[in-house]
Structures are given as C-alpha cells and as structure tokens.
Amino acid sequence: MRFAKRLLMGVGAAVLAGLLGVAIAPKAAHAVVAALVQVVNTPTSAIPTVLAPAASNIYISSCSGLYNGSTGNVCDFSAVPPGQTLVVTALTIWSESTPGADPQLAQLALQVYPLGPFWFAVPMGRQASSGTYDYYTGTLAGPIVIPSGTWPFSPGPECQVFLNGNSTAEYSSFQCTISGYFVPSS
C-alpha cells in the first residue's frame, strides 16, 4: 500500500513539474513538441501529394429514361473525349416504377475497344413508396477508369436499369448521374 502511494505521488509530482515547465517556458515546450512531429520531405523519403483536378477536367453527366410499360431501359452519358481517360468517382441512380415492378439490375455499362464490355452493378435500396410508385436509389463509388476509344455504337458509358416486371405507371422513369474527372490517356 505504501509503495503504491509513493508511486502515485512520484507520478503526480512529475506531471506537475511538466505542467509547470510548460507554463514557465512555453517556447521551449513548443520546440520539443515540434521536434517530435516534424515531417521532412527529402528525395529519398518523399511524401506524395494529391492535387485537385482543374475545373476543365471535371466530368459530370446525367441521363434519364422512361420505362414506358417495359421491363427496363438504357441511357447514355456524355462521351469520353479522344486522348482522355475518365476516372469515375461516383454514380447515382434514382428509379420510380409501378409497385411490384422493382429494379432487378442497375448497372454502369462500358463498351471499351479492344477490351470488350464491362458492367459495374449498382446496389439499389428501396425508399418510401407512394400508392403510384415504388422508389429506389443506388450509389456506386469509384474509382472506375474509363479510357477513350469506346465502340462506335456506344458513344460513352451507359446507365442500365432492368425491372422484375413491366412498369405501367404513366411517368415511371429513372435518372442517373455520374461524376469524375479526366486525365490524359497514356
């Protein structure tokens, strides 16, 4: 018991001495702390930096489609310019369809020459419904890299939404938005 009491008194005295030192000589205490957390960027141990893309390199495109009594539809985003590679950071899909005719598959589709077709599934979550529509939303986070040079029949990335039944509501539709940035193709 005496040992524990003496130990606690010793630790308390050390803490009190440290606080008193900081109060009396704050510049010296600051120098000690700065020396402990100083980061040095040398050629042998370089710290990578990330630069935000220029405003002219930012890509945002939206497209929409009507179901028109069908079980799905496709819409095209803006094409990737020649000599550029698109880095997709996010894709969001919003869907409204006849109750019971809900999204079975939502995806980002790419036809990249000469590699072939690629699909990225977007998980869709049910939202509050009304008597006329079922609502779903989904988000896909990147990065997904899309090089220029898509197939001639597909001008750019596509948003595809397929339902598990026919959506017969008058204005049943979906809306897709993609965002990212361009980098020069290598």
N, C-alpha and C. Protein backbone atom coordinates (compact mmCIF):
# COMPACT_ATOMS: atom_id res chain seq x y z
N MET A 1 0.83 -1.19 0.00
CA MET A 1 0.00 0.00 0.00
C MET A 1 0.87 1.26 0.00
N ARG A 2 1.92 1.24 0.85
CA ARG A 2 2.82 2.39 0.90
C ARG A 2 3.54 2.58 -0.43
N PHE A 3 3.92 1.43 -1.04
CA PHE A 3 4.61 1.52 -2.33
C PHE A 3 3.72 2.17 -3.39
N ALA A 4 2.46 1.77 -3.47
CA ALA A 4 1.52 2.34 -4.44
C ALA A 4 1.31 3.83 -4.17
N LYS A 5 1.23 4.19 -2.89
CA LYS A 5 1.02 5.60 -2.54
C LYS A 5 2.22 6.43 -2.97
N ARG A 6 3.42 5.92 -2.72
CA ARG A 6 4.64 6.64 -3.10
C ARG A 6 4.78 6.73 -4.63
N LEU A 7 4.40 5.65 -5.31
CA LEU A 7 4.46 5.65 -6.76
C LEU A 7 3.52 6.70 -7.35
N LEU A 8 2.30 6.77 -6.83
CA LEU A 8 1.34 7.76 -7.31
C LEU A 8 1.80 9.18 -7.00
N MET A 9 2.39 9.37 -5.86
CA MET A 9 2.90 10.70 -5.51
C MET A 9 4.05 11.09 -6.45
N GLY A 10 4.90 10.13 -6.81
CA GLY A 10 6.02 10.40 -7.72
C GLY A 10 5.52 10.75 -9.12
N VAL A 11 4.53 10.00 -9.60
CA VAL A 11 3.97 10.27 -10.93
C VAL A 11 3.28 11.63 -10.93
N GLY A 12 2.52 11.93 -9.89
CA GLY A 12 1.85 13.22 -9.78
C GLY A 12 2.84 14.37 -9.75
N ALA A 13 3.97 14.20 -9.04
CA ALA A 13 5.00 15.24 -8.98
C ALA A 13 5.61 15.46 -10.37
N ALA A 14 5.84 14.38 -11.12
CA ALA A 14 6.42 14.51 -12.45
C ALA A 14 5.46 15.25 -13.38
N VAL A 15 4.17 14.93 -13.32
CA VAL A 15 3.18 15.62 -14.15
C VAL A 15 3.11 17.08 -13.78
N LEU A 16 3.11 17.40 -12.49
CA LEU A 16 3.07 18.78 -12.03
C LEU A 16 4.31 19.54 -12.49
N ALA A 17 5.48 18.89 -12.45
CA ALA A 17 6.71 19.55 -12.90
C ALA A 17 6.64 19.83 -14.40
N GLY A 18 6.09 18.87 -15.18
CA GLY A 18 5.94 19.08 -16.63
C GLY A 18 5.01 20.24 -16.93
N LEU A 19 3.87 20.31 -16.25
CA LEU A 19 2.93 21.41 -16.46
C LEU A 19 3.55 22.75 -16.07
N LEU A 20 4.29 22.77 -15.00
CA LEU A 20 4.96 23.99 -14.57
C LEU A 20 6.01 24.42 -15.59
N GLY A 21 6.72 23.43 -16.18
CA GLY A 21 7.71 23.74 -17.21
C GLY A 21 7.07 24.34 -18.45
N VAL A 22 5.91 23.82 -18.83
CA VAL A 22 5.20 24.36 -19.99
C VAL A 22 4.72 25.78 -19.72
N ALA A 23 4.26 26.04 -18.50
CA ALA A 23 3.77 27.37 -18.15
C ALA A 23 4.91 28.39 -18.11
N ILE A 24 6.07 27.98 -17.62
CA ILE A 24 7.19 28.91 -17.48
C ILE A 24 7.90 29.12 -18.81
N ALA A 25 8.08 28.06 -19.58
CA ALA A 25 8.84 28.16 -20.83
C ALA A 25 8.03 27.56 -21.98
N PRO A 26 6.96 28.24 -22.43
CA PRO A 26 6.11 27.65 -23.48
C PRO A 26 6.84 27.50 -24.82
N LYS A 27 7.79 28.38 -25.13
CA LYS A 27 8.50 28.26 -26.40
C LYS A 27 9.38 27.01 -26.40
N ALA A 28 10.00 26.72 -25.30
CA ALA A 28 10.83 25.52 -25.22
C ALA A 28 9.96 24.26 -25.33
N ALA A 29 8.81 24.28 -24.68
CA ALA A 29 7.90 23.13 -24.76
C ALA A 29 7.38 22.97 -26.18
N HIS A 30 7.08 24.09 -26.83
CA HIS A 30 6.60 24.03 -28.21
C HIS A 30 7.70 23.46 -29.12
N ALA A 31 8.94 23.86 -28.91
CA ALA A 31 10.05 23.36 -29.72
C ALA A 31 10.22 21.86 -29.55
N VAL A 32 10.06 21.37 -28.33
CA VAL A 32 10.19 19.94 -28.08
C VAL A 32 9.07 19.19 -28.81
N VAL A 33 7.84 19.67 -28.72
CA VAL A 33 6.72 19.03 -29.39
C VAL A 33 6.90 19.10 -30.91
N ALA A 34 7.33 20.24 -31.44
CA ALA A 34 7.53 20.40 -32.87
C ALA A 34 8.61 19.44 -33.38
N ALA A 35 9.65 19.25 -32.60
CA ALA A 35 10.71 18.32 -32.99
C ALA A 35 10.18 16.89 -33.04
N LEU A 36 9.24 16.56 -32.19
CA LEU A 36 8.70 15.21 -32.17
C LEU A 36 7.81 14.92 -33.38
N VAL A 37 7.12 15.93 -33.92
CA VAL A 37 6.19 15.71 -35.02
C VAL A 37 6.65 16.33 -36.33
N GLN A 38 7.90 16.69 -36.45
CA GLN A 38 8.39 17.32 -37.66
C GLN A 38 8.42 16.31 -38.79
N VAL A 39 7.91 16.71 -39.97
CA VAL A 39 7.87 15.87 -41.16
C VAL A 39 8.86 16.44 -42.15
N VAL A 40 9.73 15.59 -42.65
CA VAL A 40 10.76 16.02 -43.58
C VAL A 40 10.49 15.36 -44.93
N ASN A 41 10.46 16.17 -45.99
CA ASN A 41 10.23 15.67 -47.34
C ASN A 41 11.56 15.74 -48.09
N THR A 42 12.23 14.60 -48.18
CA THR A 42 13.51 14.53 -48.88
C THR A 42 13.36 13.68 -50.13
N PRO A 43 14.30 13.73 -51.06
CA PRO A 43 14.19 12.89 -52.27
C PRO A 43 14.13 11.39 -51.96
N THR A 44 14.77 10.96 -50.87
CA THR A 44 14.76 9.53 -50.55
C THR A 44 13.51 9.11 -49.80
N SER A 45 12.85 10.04 -49.14
CA SER A 45 11.61 9.70 -48.43
C SER A 45 10.55 10.76 -48.74
N ALA A 46 10.20 10.85 -50.01
CA ALA A 46 9.24 11.86 -50.45
C ALA A 46 7.84 11.52 -49.97
N ILE A 47 7.10 12.54 -49.60
CA ILE A 47 5.72 12.38 -49.17
C ILE A 47 4.84 12.72 -50.36
N PRO A 48 4.01 11.77 -50.82
CA PRO A 48 3.20 12.05 -52.02
C PRO A 48 2.16 13.13 -51.74
N THR A 49 1.88 13.90 -52.77
CA THR A 49 0.85 14.93 -52.67
C THR A 49 -0.25 14.61 -53.67
N VAL A 50 -1.44 15.07 -53.38
CA VAL A 50 -2.57 14.89 -54.28
C VAL A 50 -3.06 16.27 -54.69
N LEU A 51 -3.14 16.48 -55.98
CA LEU A 51 -3.61 17.74 -56.50
C LEU A 51 -5.03 17.57 -57.02
N ALA A 52 -5.88 18.53 -56.76
CA ALA A 52 -7.25 18.50 -57.27
C ALA A 52 -7.21 18.76 -58.77
N PRO A 53 -8.10 18.11 -59.52
CA PRO A 53 -8.10 18.36 -60.97
C PRO A 53 -8.57 19.77 -61.29
N ALA A 54 -8.12 20.27 -62.42
CA ALA A 54 -8.55 21.58 -62.87
C ALA A 54 -10.04 21.53 -63.20
N ALA A 55 -10.70 22.66 -63.11
CA ALA A 55 -12.15 22.72 -63.37
C ALA A 55 -12.48 22.21 -64.77
N SER A 56 -11.60 22.42 -65.72
CA SER A 56 -11.86 21.95 -67.09
C SER A 56 -11.78 20.43 -67.21
N ASN A 57 -11.21 19.77 -66.22
CA ASN A 57 -11.07 18.31 -66.25
C ASN A 57 -12.16 17.60 -65.48
N ILE A 58 -13.06 18.33 -64.86
CA ILE A 58 -14.13 17.70 -64.08
C ILE A 58 -15.24 17.24 -65.02
N TYR A 59 -15.76 16.06 -64.76
CA TYR A 59 -16.80 15.46 -65.59
C TYR A 59 -18.04 15.20 -64.75
N ILE A 60 -19.16 15.74 -65.17
CA ILE A 60 -20.46 15.45 -64.56
C ILE A 60 -21.45 15.29 -65.71
N SER A 61 -22.17 14.19 -65.71
CA SER A 61 -23.13 13.94 -66.77
C SER A 61 -24.35 13.25 -66.18
N SER A 62 -25.53 13.61 -66.67
CA SER A 62 -26.78 12.98 -66.24
C SER A 62 -27.52 12.48 -67.46
N CYS A 63 -28.27 11.41 -67.25
CA CYS A 63 -29.16 10.92 -68.31
C CYS A 63 -30.38 10.31 -67.64
N SER A 64 -31.44 10.15 -68.40
CA SER A 64 -32.67 9.57 -67.83
C SER A 64 -33.37 8.75 -68.88
N GLY A 65 -34.27 7.92 -68.42
CA GLY A 65 -35.03 7.08 -69.34
C GLY A 65 -36.40 6.79 -68.77
N LEU A 66 -37.35 6.55 -69.67
CA LEU A 66 -38.70 6.17 -69.28
C LEU A 66 -38.84 4.65 -69.43
N TYR A 67 -39.61 4.04 -68.54
CA TYR A 67 -39.84 2.60 -68.66
C TYR A 67 -40.91 2.31 -69.72
N ASN A 68 -41.91 3.18 -69.90
CA ASN A 68 -42.92 3.06 -70.95
C ASN A 68 -43.55 1.66 -71.04
N GLY A 69 -43.94 1.09 -69.92
CA GLY A 69 -44.58 -0.21 -69.92
C GLY A 69 -43.63 -1.37 -70.14
N SER A 70 -42.34 -1.11 -70.14
CA SER A 70 -41.36 -2.17 -70.38
C SER A 70 -40.71 -2.61 -69.08
N THR A 71 -39.74 -3.51 -69.20
CA THR A 71 -39.04 -4.01 -68.03
C THR A 71 -37.67 -3.38 -67.85
N GLY A 72 -37.41 -2.26 -68.49
CA GLY A 72 -36.14 -1.58 -68.31
C GLY A 72 -35.81 -0.67 -69.46
N ASN A 73 -34.70 0.03 -69.32
CA ASN A 73 -34.26 0.94 -70.36
C ASN A 73 -32.80 1.29 -70.13
N VAL A 74 -32.22 1.99 -71.10
CA VAL A 74 -30.81 2.38 -71.08
C VAL A 74 -30.72 3.85 -71.44
N CYS A 75 -29.79 4.58 -70.83
CA CYS A 75 -29.49 5.95 -71.26
C CYS A 75 -27.98 6.13 -71.32
N ASP A 76 -27.53 7.03 -72.21
CA ASP A 76 -26.10 7.24 -72.44
C ASP A 76 -25.62 8.51 -71.74
N PHE A 77 -24.44 8.41 -71.13
CA PHE A 77 -23.77 9.59 -70.59
C PHE A 77 -22.95 10.24 -71.70
N SER A 78 -22.43 11.43 -71.45
CA SER A 78 -21.56 12.11 -72.42
C SER A 78 -20.34 11.25 -72.72
N ALA A 79 -19.88 11.32 -73.96
CA ALA A 79 -18.73 10.52 -74.40
C ALA A 79 -17.45 11.00 -73.74
N VAL A 80 -16.48 10.09 -73.64
CA VAL A 80 -15.15 10.42 -73.15
C VAL A 80 -14.37 10.99 -74.34
N PRO A 81 -13.84 12.23 -74.22
CA PRO A 81 -13.14 12.84 -75.36
C PRO A 81 -11.90 12.04 -75.77
N PRO A 82 -11.55 12.09 -77.05
CA PRO A 82 -10.34 11.40 -77.50
C PRO A 82 -9.12 11.90 -76.74
N GLY A 83 -8.22 10.98 -76.43
CA GLY A 83 -6.99 11.33 -75.73
C GLY A 83 -7.16 11.53 -74.24
N GLN A 84 -8.37 11.28 -73.72
CA GLN A 84 -8.63 11.45 -72.29
C GLN A 84 -9.07 10.12 -71.68
N THR A 85 -8.80 9.95 -70.41
CA THR A 85 -9.29 8.82 -69.63
C THR A 85 -10.17 9.39 -68.54
N LEU A 86 -11.34 8.82 -68.39
CA LEU A 86 -12.28 9.27 -67.35
C LEU A 86 -12.09 8.44 -66.10
N VAL A 87 -11.91 9.09 -64.97
CA VAL A 87 -11.87 8.43 -63.68
C VAL A 87 -13.19 8.74 -62.99
N VAL A 88 -14.06 7.74 -62.89
CA VAL A 88 -15.37 7.91 -62.28
C VAL A 88 -15.21 7.82 -60.76
N THR A 89 -15.73 8.83 -60.06
CA THR A 89 -15.67 8.81 -58.60
C THR A 89 -17.00 8.41 -57.98
N ALA A 90 -18.12 8.63 -58.69
CA ALA A 90 -19.42 8.25 -58.14
C ALA A 90 -20.46 8.15 -59.24
N LEU A 91 -21.40 7.23 -59.04
CA LEU A 91 -22.55 7.07 -59.91
C LEU A 91 -23.76 6.91 -59.01
N THR A 92 -24.81 7.67 -59.26
CA THR A 92 -26.05 7.52 -58.50
C THR A 92 -27.20 7.26 -59.46
N ILE A 93 -28.14 6.42 -59.01
CA ILE A 93 -29.32 6.09 -59.81
C ILE A 93 -30.54 6.26 -58.92
N TRP A 94 -31.56 6.89 -59.46
CA TRP A 94 -32.85 7.06 -58.80
C TRP A 94 -33.91 6.47 -59.73
N SER A 95 -34.82 5.65 -59.20
CA SER A 95 -35.82 4.99 -60.03
C SER A 95 -37.19 5.11 -59.39
N GLU A 96 -38.21 5.32 -60.25
CA GLU A 96 -39.60 5.25 -59.81
C GLU A 96 -40.34 4.35 -60.80
N SER A 97 -41.02 3.35 -60.25
CA SER A 97 -41.69 2.36 -61.09
C SER A 97 -42.99 1.91 -60.44
N THR A 98 -43.81 1.21 -61.22
CA THR A 98 -45.07 0.67 -60.73
C THR A 98 -44.80 -0.22 -59.52
N PRO A 99 -45.62 -0.14 -58.46
CA PRO A 99 -45.40 -1.03 -57.31
C PRO A 99 -45.31 -2.50 -57.75
N GLY A 100 -44.27 -3.15 -57.30
CA GLY A 100 -44.02 -4.54 -57.65
C GLY A 100 -43.09 -4.71 -58.83
N ALA A 101 -42.98 -3.72 -59.69
CA ALA A 101 -42.04 -3.76 -60.83
C ALA A 101 -40.78 -3.02 -60.40
N ASP A 102 -39.99 -3.67 -59.59
CA ASP A 102 -38.86 -3.02 -58.94
C ASP A 102 -37.55 -3.34 -59.64
N PRO A 103 -36.51 -2.49 -59.45
CA PRO A 103 -35.23 -2.75 -60.11
C PRO A 103 -34.64 -4.10 -59.72
N GLN A 104 -34.39 -4.89 -60.72
CA GLN A 104 -33.75 -6.19 -60.53
C GLN A 104 -32.25 -6.07 -60.76
N LEU A 105 -31.88 -5.19 -61.71
CA LEU A 105 -30.47 -4.97 -62.03
C LEU A 105 -30.29 -3.52 -62.47
N ALA A 106 -29.36 -2.83 -61.83
CA ALA A 106 -28.97 -1.47 -62.22
C ALA A 106 -27.46 -1.51 -62.37
N GLN A 107 -26.96 -0.92 -63.46
CA GLN A 107 -25.52 -1.04 -63.69
C GLN A 107 -24.98 0.07 -64.58
N LEU A 108 -23.67 0.27 -64.46
CA LEU A 108 -22.90 1.11 -65.36
C LEU A 108 -22.31 0.16 -66.39
N ALA A 109 -22.56 0.41 -67.65
CA ALA A 109 -22.09 -0.46 -68.73
C ALA A 109 -21.09 0.29 -69.60
N LEU A 110 -20.00 -0.39 -69.95
CA LEU A 110 -18.96 0.20 -70.80
C LEU A 110 -18.64 -0.74 -71.94
N GLN A 111 -18.49 -0.19 -73.12
CA GLN A 111 -18.00 -0.94 -74.28
C GLN A 111 -16.66 -0.34 -74.63
N VAL A 112 -15.58 -0.91 -74.14
CA VAL A 112 -14.25 -0.33 -74.34
C VAL A 112 -13.49 -1.17 -75.37
N TYR A 113 -13.09 -0.50 -76.47
CA TYR A 113 -12.36 -1.19 -77.52
C TYR A 113 -10.88 -1.20 -77.17
N PRO A 114 -10.15 -2.26 -77.31
CA PRO A 114 -10.48 -3.59 -77.79
C PRO A 114 -10.75 -4.57 -76.65
N LEU A 115 -10.93 -4.06 -75.45
CA LEU A 115 -11.05 -4.93 -74.27
C LEU A 115 -12.40 -5.62 -74.16
N GLY A 116 -13.45 -5.00 -74.67
CA GLY A 116 -14.77 -5.62 -74.63
C GLY A 116 -15.70 -4.93 -73.66
N PRO A 117 -16.85 -5.55 -73.39
CA PRO A 117 -17.83 -4.93 -72.50
C PRO A 117 -17.49 -5.16 -71.03
N PHE A 118 -17.84 -4.17 -70.21
CA PHE A 118 -17.68 -4.25 -68.75
C PHE A 118 -18.96 -3.75 -68.10
N TRP A 119 -19.33 -4.35 -66.99
CA TRP A 119 -20.52 -3.94 -66.25
C TRP A 119 -20.16 -3.78 -64.78
N PHE A 120 -20.68 -2.73 -64.17
CA PHE A 120 -20.48 -2.47 -62.75
C PHE A 120 -21.86 -2.36 -62.10
N ALA A 121 -22.24 -3.34 -61.32
CA ALA A 121 -23.56 -3.37 -60.70
C ALA A 121 -23.69 -2.30 -59.63
N VAL A 122 -24.87 -1.70 -59.55
CA VAL A 122 -25.17 -0.67 -58.55
C VAL A 122 -26.24 -1.23 -57.62
N PRO A 123 -25.92 -1.46 -56.35
CA PRO A 123 -26.95 -1.95 -55.42
C PRO A 123 -28.03 -0.90 -55.21
N MET A 124 -29.28 -1.30 -55.34
CA MET A 124 -30.41 -0.38 -55.20
C MET A 124 -31.13 -0.65 -53.89
N GLY A 125 -31.47 0.43 -53.19
CA GLY A 125 -32.19 0.32 -51.92
C GLY A 125 -33.57 0.94 -52.03
N ARG A 126 -34.55 0.27 -51.45
CA ARG A 126 -35.93 0.75 -51.51
C ARG A 126 -36.10 1.96 -50.59
N GLN A 127 -36.83 2.95 -51.10
CA GLN A 127 -37.16 4.15 -50.34
C GLN A 127 -38.65 4.13 -50.01
N ALA A 128 -39.14 5.14 -49.35
CA ALA A 128 -40.57 5.23 -49.06
C ALA A 128 -41.36 5.23 -50.37
N SER A 129 -42.46 4.50 -50.41
CA SER A 129 -43.26 4.39 -51.63
C SER A 129 -44.55 5.18 -51.50
N SER A 130 -45.13 5.48 -52.65
CA SER A 130 -46.45 6.10 -52.68
C SER A 130 -47.41 5.06 -53.27
N GLY A 131 -48.67 5.40 -53.41
CA GLY A 131 -49.62 4.46 -54.00
C GLY A 131 -49.36 4.22 -55.47
N THR A 132 -48.72 5.18 -56.15
CA THR A 132 -48.50 5.09 -57.59
C THR A 132 -47.12 4.55 -57.94
N TYR A 133 -46.11 4.81 -57.10
CA TYR A 133 -44.74 4.46 -57.45
C TYR A 133 -44.03 3.77 -56.29
N ASP A 134 -43.07 2.88 -56.66
CA ASP A 134 -42.04 2.40 -55.75
C ASP A 134 -40.78 3.18 -56.10
N TYR A 135 -40.07 3.65 -55.10
CA TYR A 135 -38.86 4.46 -55.31
C TYR A 135 -37.64 3.68 -54.84
N TYR A 136 -36.58 3.76 -55.63
CA TYR A 136 -35.31 3.11 -55.30
C TYR A 136 -34.16 4.07 -55.60
N THR A 137 -33.11 3.98 -54.82
CA THR A 137 -31.88 4.74 -55.10
C THR A 137 -30.68 3.82 -54.92
N GLY A 138 -29.62 4.14 -55.63
CA GLY A 138 -28.38 3.37 -55.51
C GLY A 138 -27.19 4.24 -55.81
N THR A 139 -26.05 3.90 -55.20
CA THR A 139 -24.81 4.64 -55.40
C THR A 139 -23.67 3.67 -55.59
N LEU A 140 -22.80 3.99 -56.51
CA LEU A 140 -21.59 3.23 -56.76
C LEU A 140 -20.42 4.18 -56.63
N ALA A 141 -19.49 3.88 -55.75
CA ALA A 141 -18.32 4.75 -55.55
C ALA A 141 -17.13 4.19 -56.32
N GLY A 142 -16.34 5.08 -56.90
CA GLY A 142 -15.18 4.71 -57.71
C GLY A 142 -13.95 4.51 -56.86
N PRO A 143 -12.82 4.52 -57.45
CA PRO A 143 -12.59 4.95 -58.82
C PRO A 143 -12.78 3.83 -59.83
N ILE A 144 -13.39 4.18 -60.94
CA ILE A 144 -13.51 3.31 -62.10
C ILE A 144 -12.89 4.07 -63.26
N VAL A 145 -11.93 3.46 -63.93
CA VAL A 145 -11.19 4.13 -65.00
C VAL A 145 -11.79 3.73 -66.35
N ILE A 146 -12.16 4.74 -67.14
CA ILE A 146 -12.77 4.52 -68.45
C ILE A 146 -11.89 5.20 -69.50
N PRO A 147 -11.15 4.41 -70.29
CA PRO A 147 -10.32 5.04 -71.33
C PRO A 147 -11.16 5.50 -72.50
N SER A 148 -10.62 6.42 -73.29
CA SER A 148 -11.31 6.84 -74.51
C SER A 148 -11.22 5.69 -75.52
N GLY A 149 -12.02 5.78 -76.58
CA GLY A 149 -11.97 4.74 -77.60
C GLY A 149 -13.05 3.70 -77.39
N THR A 150 -14.26 4.13 -77.07
CA THR A 150 -15.34 3.17 -76.93
C THR A 150 -15.76 2.68 -78.30
N TRP A 151 -16.54 1.60 -78.33
CA TRP A 151 -17.03 1.05 -79.60
C TRP A 151 -17.83 2.12 -80.33
N PRO A 152 -17.83 2.08 -81.65
CA PRO A 152 -18.56 3.10 -82.43
C PRO A 152 -20.05 3.17 -82.11
N PHE A 153 -20.68 2.05 -81.76
CA PHE A 153 -22.12 2.08 -81.49
C PHE A 153 -22.45 2.51 -80.07
N SER A 154 -21.45 2.74 -79.25
CA SER A 154 -21.69 3.17 -77.88
C SER A 154 -20.83 4.40 -77.61
N PRO A 155 -21.40 5.60 -77.67
CA PRO A 155 -20.60 6.82 -77.59
C PRO A 155 -19.97 7.08 -76.23
N GLY A 156 -20.44 6.45 -75.18
CA GLY A 156 -19.88 6.69 -73.86
C GLY A 156 -20.42 5.68 -72.88
N PRO A 157 -20.17 5.88 -71.61
CA PRO A 157 -20.72 4.97 -70.61
C PRO A 157 -22.24 5.01 -70.62
N GLU A 158 -22.87 3.88 -70.30
CA GLU A 158 -24.33 3.78 -70.26
C GLU A 158 -24.81 3.47 -68.86
N CYS A 159 -25.99 3.95 -68.55
CA CYS A 159 -26.69 3.58 -67.32
C CYS A 159 -27.82 2.65 -67.75
N GLN A 160 -27.88 1.47 -67.14
CA GLN A 160 -28.90 0.49 -67.49
C GLN A 160 -29.68 0.11 -66.23
N VAL A 161 -31.01 0.12 -66.33
CA VAL A 161 -31.87 -0.29 -65.22
C VAL A 161 -32.90 -1.27 -65.77
N PHE A 162 -32.94 -2.47 -65.18
CA PHE A 162 -33.87 -3.51 -65.60
C PHE A 162 -34.76 -3.89 -64.41
N LEU A 163 -36.06 -4.01 -64.67
CA LEU A 163 -37.05 -4.28 -63.63
C LEU A 163 -37.43 -5.75 -63.61
N ASN A 164 -38.07 -6.19 -62.53
CA ASN A 164 -38.53 -7.57 -62.44
C ASN A 164 -39.95 -7.73 -62.98
N GLY A 165 -40.48 -6.72 -63.64
CA GLY A 165 -41.81 -6.75 -64.26
C GLY A 165 -42.02 -5.49 -65.07
N ASN A 166 -43.15 -5.41 -65.78
CA ASN A 166 -43.46 -4.22 -66.57
C ASN A 166 -43.91 -3.08 -65.67
N SER A 167 -43.34 -1.90 -65.89
CA SER A 167 -43.76 -0.71 -65.16
C SER A 167 -44.78 0.04 -66.01
N THR A 168 -46.02 0.05 -65.56
CA THR A 168 -47.10 0.62 -66.36
C THR A 168 -47.52 2.01 -65.90
N ALA A 169 -46.93 2.53 -64.82
CA ALA A 169 -47.28 3.88 -64.37
C ALA A 169 -46.89 4.87 -65.46
N GLU A 170 -47.69 5.93 -65.62
CA GLU A 170 -47.56 6.85 -66.75
C GLU A 170 -46.16 7.46 -66.88
N TYR A 171 -45.59 7.95 -65.79
CA TYR A 171 -44.29 8.62 -65.86
C TYR A 171 -43.21 7.84 -65.13
N SER A 172 -43.29 6.53 -65.09
CA SER A 172 -42.24 5.75 -64.42
C SER A 172 -40.93 5.91 -65.19
N SER A 173 -39.86 6.17 -64.44
CA SER A 173 -38.60 6.52 -65.09
C SER A 173 -37.43 6.28 -64.15
N PHE A 174 -36.25 6.56 -64.65
CA PHE A 174 -35.04 6.54 -63.82
C PHE A 174 -34.15 7.70 -64.23
N GLN A 175 -33.29 8.10 -63.32
CA GLN A 175 -32.34 9.21 -63.52
C GLN A 175 -30.98 8.73 -63.04
N CYS A 176 -29.94 8.93 -63.84
CA CYS A 176 -28.58 8.53 -63.50
C CYS A 176 -27.66 9.75 -63.56
N THR A 177 -26.75 9.85 -62.62
CA THR A 177 -25.76 10.93 -62.62
C THR A 177 -24.40 10.31 -62.32
N ILE A 178 -23.43 10.69 -63.14
CA ILE A 178 -22.07 10.19 -62.98
C ILE A 178 -21.15 11.39 -62.79
N SER A 179 -20.14 11.24 -61.93
CA SER A 179 -19.18 12.32 -61.73
C SER A 179 -17.77 11.75 -61.66
N GLY A 180 -16.82 12.57 -62.05
CA GLY A 180 -15.42 12.16 -62.03
C GLY A 180 -14.55 13.24 -62.63
N TYR A 181 -13.42 12.84 -63.18
CA TYR A 181 -12.50 13.80 -63.77
C TYR A 181 -11.69 13.11 -64.88
N PHE A 182 -11.14 13.94 -65.78
CA PHE A 182 -10.35 13.44 -66.90
C PHE A 182 -8.87 13.54 -66.57
N VAL A 183 -8.11 12.56 -67.08
CA VAL A 183 -6.65 12.60 -67.07
C VAL A 183 -6.20 12.25 -68.48
N PRO A 184 -5.05 12.74 -68.90
CA PRO A 184 -4.58 12.41 -70.26
C PRO A 184 -4.35 10.90 -70.39
N SER A 185 -4.74 10.35 -71.54
CA SER A 185 -4.50 8.92 -71.80
C SER A 185 -3.01 8.70 -72.00
N SER A 186 -2.56 7.55 -71.57
CA SER A 186 -1.13 7.27 -71.73
C SER A 186 -0.86 6.44 -72.96
